[in-house]
Protein backbone atom coordinates (compact mmCIF):
# COMPACT_ATOMS: atom_id res chain seq x y z
CA MET A 1 95.00 62.53 72.06
CA LYS A 2 94.92 60.62 75.33
CA ASN A 3 94.64 62.61 78.58
CA GLN A 4 97.71 62.58 80.81
CA ILE A 5 97.26 60.71 84.09
CA TYR A 6 99.10 62.33 87.00
CA LEU A 7 100.30 61.10 90.36
CA GLN A 8 97.62 61.66 93.00
CA PRO A 9 97.98 62.50 96.72
CA GLU A 10 96.22 59.25 97.63
CA GLN A 11 98.99 57.31 95.85
CA VAL A 12 101.65 59.21 97.79
CA GLU A 13 99.98 58.30 101.09
CA LEU A 14 100.69 54.64 100.31
CA MET A 15 104.42 55.17 99.75
CA LYS A 16 107.00 53.72 102.12
CA PRO A 17 108.80 56.04 104.56
CA LEU A 18 112.03 57.82 103.57
CA TYR A 19 114.62 58.15 106.34
CA GLY A 20 111.81 57.55 108.83
CA PHE A 21 109.63 60.33 107.36
CA SER A 22 106.18 58.94 106.55
CA PRO A 23 103.65 60.51 104.19
CA SER A 24 100.19 61.40 105.42
CA MET A 25 97.39 63.62 104.21
CA ASP A 26 96.27 66.46 106.45
CA SER A 27 92.53 65.91 106.85
CA ARG A 28 91.69 69.61 106.82
CA SER A 29 93.97 71.06 104.15
CA GLY A 30 94.53 68.00 101.96
CA THR A 31 98.29 68.54 101.91
CA ILE A 32 100.72 65.65 101.87
CA GLU A 33 103.11 65.96 104.80
CA TRP A 34 106.23 63.88 105.26
CA TYR A 35 106.90 63.77 109.01
CA ASN A 36 109.27 62.06 111.41
CA GLU A 37 108.66 62.73 115.11
CA ASN A 38 112.44 62.81 115.71
CA TYR A 39 112.86 66.00 113.63
CA ASP A 40 111.46 69.52 113.89
CA GLU A 41 110.93 69.72 110.11
CA VAL A 42 107.96 68.60 108.05
CA VAL A 43 108.14 68.33 104.25
CA TYR A 44 105.14 69.33 102.14
CA ALA A 45 104.85 67.72 98.70
CA THR A 46 101.30 67.53 97.36
CA PRO A 47 100.79 66.53 93.72
CA ASN A 48 98.31 68.72 91.81
CA TRP A 49 98.12 71.20 94.70
CA GLU A 50 95.44 73.86 94.23
CA GLY A 51 94.36 72.36 90.91
CA GLU A 52 97.77 72.61 89.20
CA GLU A 53 97.58 69.28 87.35
CA GLY A 54 100.96 67.72 86.61
CA SER A 55 102.82 69.85 89.14
CA CYS A 56 103.91 69.38 92.74
CA PRO A 57 105.31 72.17 94.92
CA ILE A 58 107.89 71.11 97.52
CA ALA A 59 108.56 72.96 100.76
CA HIS A 60 109.59 72.29 104.33
CA SER A 61 108.73 73.99 107.57
CA ASN A 62 110.07 73.98 111.10
CA VAL A 63 107.24 72.93 113.39
CA GLU A 64 108.77 74.81 116.34
CA THR A 65 109.56 78.17 114.72
CA GLY A 66 107.17 78.15 111.76
CA ASP A 67 110.03 79.00 109.37
CA TYR A 68 108.92 77.97 105.87
CA THR A 69 111.19 77.25 102.91
CA HIS A 70 109.85 76.78 99.38
CA VAL A 71 112.22 74.37 97.63
CA GLY A 72 110.69 74.32 94.14
CA SER A 73 108.18 72.40 92.03
CA ILE A 74 108.20 69.06 90.28
CA SER A 75 106.73 68.80 86.78
CA PHE A 76 105.21 65.48 85.75
CA VAL A 77 104.23 66.57 82.24
CA GLY A 78 105.15 63.99 79.60
CA LEU A 79 106.01 61.26 82.13
CA ASN A 80 104.15 58.00 82.60
CA ILE A 81 102.92 57.19 86.11
CA GLU A 82 105.93 55.01 86.99
CA GLN A 83 108.32 57.80 85.96
CA GLN A 84 106.30 60.31 87.99
CA ILE A 85 106.47 58.12 91.11
CA GLU A 86 110.23 57.66 90.69
CA LYS A 87 110.82 61.38 90.13
CA TYR A 88 108.63 62.33 93.10
CA ARG A 89 110.35 59.87 95.49
CA ASN A 90 113.84 60.89 94.34
CA ILE A 91 113.21 64.59 94.87
CA VAL A 92 111.40 64.18 98.19
CA GLU A 93 114.20 61.87 99.33
CA GLU A 94 116.75 64.53 98.41
CA VAL A 95 114.90 67.19 100.46
CA ILE A 96 114.50 64.83 103.44
CA SER A 97 118.16 63.76 103.30
CA GLY A 98 119.10 67.45 103.49
CA ILE A 99 117.15 67.67 106.75
CA VAL A 100 118.50 64.40 108.16
CA PHE A 101 122.12 64.99 107.18
CA GLY A 102 122.09 68.79 107.44
CA LYS A 103 122.90 69.47 103.78
């Protein structure tokens, strides 16, 4: 049986911005942060975080207050890499649109 290949943080770093939120990797923690300087919220979405292959927790935090909200996790199990990228972008876009449009 062939090993599953999962979306990697380095691939996310190369993605285009969503609603002006750009992905970057924190050099100390290794987390992927989606940030737009016009908003007080940062979205965290790091594939394979803490060794959990095929999974990606999603959360957002207010940079002013420190309030942290865990949104959920994405599972990439059984998906090819193109499907993983599409699923990741769609879910991150949904979280960011909630910040931008106040949903």
